[in-house]
N, C-alpha and C. Protein backbone atom coordinates (compact mmCIF):
# COMPACT_ATOMS: atom_id res chain seq x y z
N MET A 1 1.31 -1.73 0.12
CA MET A 1 0.45 0.31 0.10
C MET A 1 0.85 0.98 -0.25
N PRO A 2 0.75 1.88 -0.84
CA PRO A 2 1.58 3.33 -1.01
C PRO A 2 1.73 4.36 0.07
N ARG A 3 2.28 4.69 0.02
CA ARG A 3 2.27 6.08 1.72
C ARG A 3 1.34 7.08 1.41
N GLY A 4 0.78 6.97 2.60
CA GLY A 4 -0.27 8.16 2.46
C GLY A 4 -1.69 7.78 1.94
N ALA A 5 -2.14 6.55 1.80
CA ALA A 5 -3.16 5.97 0.84
C ALA A 5 -3.97 5.77 2.27
N PRO A 6 -4.72 5.74 2.22
CA PRO A 6 -6.14 5.03 3.44
C PRO A 6 -5.96 3.23 3.59
N ALA A 7 -6.66 3.26 4.84
CA ALA A 7 -6.52 1.97 5.03
C ALA A 7 -7.53 1.42 4.43
N SER A 8 -8.00 1.57 3.95
CA SER A 8 -9.29 1.09 3.22
C SER A 8 -8.57 0.16 1.27
N GLY A 9 -7.64 0.97 1.26
CA GLY A 9 -6.72 0.95 -0.01
C GLY A 9 -7.04 1.10 -0.98
N ARG A 10 -8.23 2.17 -1.05
CA ARG A 10 -8.85 2.66 -2.34
C ARG A 10 -7.97 4.17 -2.29
N ARG A 11 -7.62 5.13 -3.81
CA ARG A 11 -6.78 6.70 -3.72
C ARG A 11 -7.91 7.29 -3.03
N ARG A 12 -7.76 8.98 -2.44
CA ARG A 12 -8.63 9.70 -1.66
C ARG A 12 -9.05 10.62 -3.02
N ARG A 13 -10.18 10.81 -3.53
CA ARG A 13 -10.25 11.91 -4.45
C ARG A 13 -10.25 13.13 -3.58
N LEU A 14 -9.50 13.75 -5.35
CA LEU A 14 -8.88 15.64 -4.26
C LEU A 14 -11.01 16.02 -5.14
N ARG A 15 -10.75 16.64 -3.82
CA ARG A 15 -11.57 17.73 -3.37
C ARG A 15 -11.27 19.33 -4.32
N LYS A 16 -12.01 19.34 -5.12
CA LYS A 16 -12.59 20.55 -5.66
C LYS A 16 -12.17 21.76 -5.07
N PRO A 17 -11.25 22.75 -5.37
CA PRO A 17 -11.26 23.61 -4.18
C PRO A 17 -12.32 25.13 -4.93
N VAL A 18 -12.84 24.96 -3.62
CA VAL A 18 -13.74 26.24 -3.20
C VAL A 18 -12.95 28.24 -3.01
N GLY A 19 -14.13 28.81 -2.96
CA GLY A 19 -14.03 29.94 -2.40
C GLY A 19 -12.76 30.32 -2.71
N ARG A 20 -12.30 31.60 -2.18
CA ARG A 20 -11.33 32.10 -2.78
C ARG A 20 -9.97 30.71 -3.56
N ALA A 21 -9.95 30.16 -3.10
CA ALA A 21 -9.54 29.32 -3.45
C ALA A 21 -9.13 28.38 -5.06
N ARG A 22 -11.06 28.52 -5.62
CA ARG A 22 -10.99 28.50 -6.71
C ARG A 22 -10.88 29.97 -7.51
N ALA A 23 -11.11 30.73 -6.74
CA ALA A 23 -10.84 32.37 -8.32
C ALA A 23 -9.27 32.59 -8.19
N ALA A 24 -8.63 31.44 -7.09
CA ALA A 24 -6.88 31.61 -7.57
C ALA A 24 -6.07 30.95 -8.74
N ARG A 25 -7.07 29.99 -9.61
CA ARG A 25 -6.03 28.80 -10.38
C ARG A 25 -6.42 30.44 -11.33
N PRO A 26 -4.99 29.70 -11.87
CA PRO A 26 -4.31 30.54 -13.17
C PRO A 26 -5.62 31.11 -14.73
N GLY A 27 -6.04 32.13 -14.85
CA GLY A 27 -7.17 32.49 -15.91
C GLY A 27 -8.19 32.60 -15.58
N VAL A 28 -8.51 33.01 -14.51
CA VAL A 28 -9.28 32.55 -13.80
C VAL A 28 -9.30 34.05 -13.19
N GLY A 29 -8.52 35.21 -12.13
CA GLY A 29 -9.00 35.93 -11.47
C GLY A 29 -7.56 36.23 -10.90
N PRO A 30 -7.95 36.73 -10.00
CA PRO A 30 -6.00 37.23 -9.52
C PRO A 30 -5.67 36.18 -8.05
N VAL A 31 -4.50 36.24 -8.02
CA VAL A 31 -3.63 35.63 -7.45
C VAL A 31 -2.97 36.26 -6.06
N GLY A 32 -3.43 35.54 -4.87
CA GLY A 32 -2.98 36.36 -4.10
C GLY A 32 -3.10 37.06 -3.51
N ARG A 33 -3.18 37.63 -2.21
CA ARG A 33 -4.41 38.72 -1.29
C ARG A 33 -4.92 40.26 -2.40
N MET A 34 -6.08 40.45 -1.84
CA MET A 34 -6.60 41.84 -2.31
C MET A 34 -5.43 42.59 -1.46
N GLY A 35 -5.81 43.72 -1.84
CA GLY A 35 -4.70 44.63 -2.52
C GLY A 35 -5.35 45.63 -1.14
N ALA A 36 -4.74 46.91 -0.04
CA ALA A 36 -5.51 47.74 1.19
C ALA A 36 -5.37 48.87 0.63
N HIS A 37 -6.04 49.65 0.46
CA HIS A 37 -5.56 51.76 0.95
C HIS A 37 -6.20 52.23 2.10
N ARG A 38 -5.57 53.28 1.87
CA ARG A 38 -6.75 53.89 2.72
C ARG A 38 -6.59 55.06 2.13
N PRO A 39 -7.90 55.56 2.61
CA PRO A 39 -8.51 57.00 1.16
C PRO A 39 -7.78 57.66 1.22
N ARG A 40 -8.13 58.70 -0.65
CA ARG A 40 -7.39 59.44 -0.24
C ARG A 40 -7.36 60.87 0.20
N PRO A 41 -6.19 61.92 0.89
CA PRO A 41 -6.28 62.51 1.51
C PRO A 41 -7.02 63.72 1.33
N LEU A 42 -7.33 64.76 2.21
CA LEU A 42 -7.67 66.00 1.09
C LEU A 42 -7.25 67.30 0.61
N HIS A 43 -6.38 66.47 1.37
CA HIS A 43 -5.03 68.16 0.98
C HIS A 43 -3.73 67.35 0.78
N ILE A 44 -2.64 68.03 0.14
CA ILE A 44 -1.19 67.57 -0.24
C ILE A 44 -0.31 68.67 0.18
N ASP A 45 0.21 68.32 1.01
CA ASP A 45 1.19 69.32 2.00
C ASP A 45 2.81 69.23 0.58
N GLU A 46 2.94 68.64 0.86
CA GLU A 46 3.76 68.79 -0.56
C GLU A 46 4.11 68.13 -1.66
N GLN A 47 4.60 68.42 -2.81
CA GLN A 47 4.12 67.69 -4.13
C GLN A 47 5.25 68.25 -5.44
N TYR A 48 5.80 66.58 -5.57
CA TYR A 48 7.37 66.57 -6.02
C TYR A 48 7.51 66.13 -7.54
N GLU A 49 8.05 66.32 -8.39
CA GLU A 49 7.92 66.13 -9.68
C GLU A 49 9.02 64.93 -9.73
N ALA A 50 8.49 63.75 -10.49
CA ALA A 50 9.56 62.28 -11.04
C ALA A 50 9.31 62.17 -12.80
N PRO A 51 10.19 63.33 -13.81
CA PRO A 51 9.71 63.34 -14.65
C PRO A 51 10.69 61.93 -15.48
N VAL A 52 10.21 61.16 -17.04
CA VAL A 52 10.63 60.57 -16.96
C VAL A 52 12.40 60.82 -17.24
N PRO A 53 13.19 59.77 -17.52
CA PRO A 53 14.30 60.09 -17.82
C PRO A 53 14.40 60.20 -19.18
N PRO A 54 15.98 61.28 -19.49
CA PRO A 54 16.35 61.52 -21.23
C PRO A 54 16.08 59.90 -21.87
N ALA A 55 16.79 59.44 -21.23
CA ALA A 55 17.28 58.08 -22.42
C ALA A 55 16.67 56.11 -21.39
N CYS A 56 16.59 55.22 -22.34
CA CYS A 56 16.52 54.62 -21.23
C CYS A 56 17.76 53.83 -20.94
N PRO A 57 17.45 53.32 -19.18
CA PRO A 57 19.05 53.02 -18.90
C PRO A 57 19.08 50.90 -19.33
N ASP A 58 18.19 50.72 -20.07
CA ASP A 58 19.17 48.80 -20.39
C ASP A 58 19.13 49.38 -21.72
N CYS A 59 18.78 49.75 -22.80
CA CYS A 59 19.84 50.72 -24.07
C CYS A 59 19.11 51.24 -24.75
N GLY A 60 19.42 52.32 -23.86
CA GLY A 60 20.39 53.53 -24.61
C GLY A 60 19.61 54.40 -25.29
N GLY A 61 17.76 54.29 -25.23
CA GLY A 61 17.22 54.73 -25.96
C GLY A 61 16.53 55.65 -25.70
N ALA A 62 16.18 56.87 -26.92
CA ALA A 62 14.57 57.77 -26.25
C ALA A 62 13.51 57.68 -25.77
N VAL A 63 13.07 58.15 -24.68
CA VAL A 63 12.11 57.84 -23.40
C VAL A 63 10.75 58.58 -24.02
N THR A 64 9.18 58.59 -24.44
CA THR A 64 8.45 59.38 -24.34
C THR A 64 7.50 58.87 -22.92
N ALA A 65 6.80 59.74 -22.70
CA ALA A 65 6.74 60.29 -21.50
C ALA A 65 5.05 59.92 -22.05
N THR A 66 4.26 58.91 -22.10
CA THR A 66 3.23 58.84 -22.02
C THR A 66 1.74 59.24 -21.10
N HIS A 67 1.62 58.66 -20.59
CA HIS A 67 1.11 59.58 -19.21
C HIS A 67 1.32 60.07 -17.47
N THR A 68 0.12 59.95 -16.56
CA THR A 68 1.10 60.98 -15.67
C THR A 68 -0.05 60.13 -14.07
N ALA A 69 0.77 59.22 -13.21
CA ALA A 69 0.67 58.85 -12.35
C ALA A 69 0.90 59.26 -11.46
N THR A 70 -1.09 59.46 -10.49
CA THR A 70 0.11 60.10 -9.54
C THR A 70 0.58 58.51 -7.86
N GLN A 71 1.13 59.00 -7.13
CA GLN A 71 1.44 57.69 -5.85
C GLN A 71 1.17 58.95 -5.21
N VAL A 72 1.51 58.41 -4.20
CA VAL A 72 0.69 59.21 -2.70
C VAL A 72 1.07 58.60 -1.00
N GLN A 73 1.99 59.59 -0.74
CA GLN A 73 2.62 59.09 0.87
C GLN A 73 2.26 59.54 1.89
N GLU A 74 1.51 59.34 2.85
CA GLU A 74 1.13 60.03 3.87
C GLU A 74 2.16 59.29 4.72
N GLU A 75 3.39 60.14 5.70
CA GLU A 75 3.55 59.78 7.14
C GLU A 75 3.08 60.02 7.96
N LEU A 76 2.75 59.01 9.04
CA LEU A 76 1.71 58.87 9.82
C LEU A 76 2.54 59.42 10.99
N PRO A 77 2.15 60.19 12.12
CA PRO A 77 2.73 61.26 13.66
C PRO A 77 3.39 60.38 14.16
N VAL A 78 3.98 60.00 14.44
CA VAL A 78 5.23 59.64 16.11
C VAL A 78 3.73 59.51 16.69
N VAL A 79 2.92 58.39 17.79
CA VAL A 79 2.62 58.24 18.67
C VAL A 79 3.69 57.93 19.71
N ARG A 80 3.19 59.53 20.89
CA ARG A 80 4.50 59.63 22.01
C ARG A 80 2.77 59.10 23.25
N PRO A 81 3.83 58.28 23.88
CA PRO A 81 2.64 57.67 25.06
C PRO A 81 2.13 58.78 26.07
N VAL A 82 1.12 58.72 26.31
CA VAL A 82 0.98 60.09 27.25
C VAL A 82 1.68 58.90 28.98
N VAL A 83 2.44 59.89 29.56
CA VAL A 83 2.68 58.76 31.45
C VAL A 83 2.00 59.94 32.26
N ARG A 84 1.08 58.58 33.10
CA ARG A 84 0.50 59.62 34.13
C ARG A 84 1.37 59.36 35.62
N ALA A 85 1.19 60.25 36.49
CA ALA A 85 1.59 59.71 37.72
C ALA A 85 0.49 59.90 38.77
N PHE A 86 0.39 59.13 39.17
CA PHE A 86 -1.42 59.11 40.44
C PHE A 86 -0.27 59.34 41.88
N ARG A 87 -1.12 60.86 42.05
CA ARG A 87 0.01 61.16 43.85
C ARG A 87 -1.42 60.45 44.51
N VAL A 88 -2.24 59.65 45.88
CA VAL A 88 -2.24 58.95 45.99
C VAL A 88 -1.95 59.13 47.77
N HIS A 89 -3.14 59.47 48.26
CA HIS A 89 -2.92 59.94 49.78
C HIS A 89 -3.84 59.23 50.41
N VAL A 90 -2.92 58.63 51.28
CA VAL A 90 -2.66 57.55 51.99
C VAL A 90 -2.92 58.71 53.32
N GLY A 91 -4.29 57.71 54.33
CA GLY A 91 -4.22 57.76 55.60
C GLY A 91 -5.08 56.76 56.72
N ALA A 92 -5.31 57.10 57.81
CA ALA A 92 -5.68 56.36 58.89
C ALA A 92 -6.06 56.24 59.40
N CYS A 93 -7.83 55.96 59.73
CA CYS A 93 -8.24 56.57 61.11
C CYS A 93 -7.82 56.42 61.79
N ARG A 94 -8.14 57.38 62.62
CA ARG A 94 -8.28 58.05 64.21
C ARG A 94 -8.32 56.91 65.09
N ALA A 95 -9.01 56.45 65.45
CA ALA A 95 -10.40 55.72 66.30
C ALA A 95 -9.68 54.22 66.35
N CYS A 96 -9.47 53.48 65.24
CA CYS A 96 -9.71 52.08 64.87
C CYS A 96 -7.44 51.85 64.73
N GLY A 97 -7.06 52.99 63.97
CA GLY A 97 -6.17 52.76 62.88
C GLY A 97 -6.01 51.65 61.64
N ARG A 98 -6.62 51.29 61.04
CA ARG A 98 -7.25 51.37 59.84
C ARG A 98 -7.11 52.53 59.29
N ARG A 99 -6.41 51.45 57.71
CA ARG A 99 -6.20 52.49 56.65
C ARG A 99 -7.06 52.04 54.96
N PRO A 100 -8.13 52.09 55.72
CA PRO A 100 -9.70 52.93 54.08
C PRO A 100 -8.38 52.60 53.06
N ALA A 101 -9.18 51.96 52.06
CA ALA A 101 -9.22 52.04 51.09
C ALA A 101 -9.28 53.70 50.52
N PHE A 102 -10.07 53.62 50.84
CA PHE A 102 -10.98 55.29 50.73
C PHE A 102 -12.40 55.71 51.54
N ILE A 103 -11.44 57.11 51.87
CA ILE A 103 -12.51 57.81 52.61
C ILE A 103 -13.68 59.33 51.75
N ARG A 104 -14.58 59.15 52.39
CA ARG A 104 -15.69 59.93 51.47
C ARG A 104 -15.20 61.73 52.49
């Protein structure tokens, strides 16, 4: 009996992929994870231009600009932790000497 075969001696029938695995087959749909993105910001603080190079880096031929694409990069602010110090006043009862947790 081949290794990994069921004890009954019959070969296992492979199941057809379902759901997302089915869409990941070649020629059927996108492969890999779905992309995630943030919503486009309401304002742009800085803008830079990145022109096409005058010559192709591979063959040295002239490069013609076909269109302009915009890429947005957001610098998220550094989160500074809030550090709190609590000054807890501790007292004792004058009559019994116990230290109550909270005195009104």
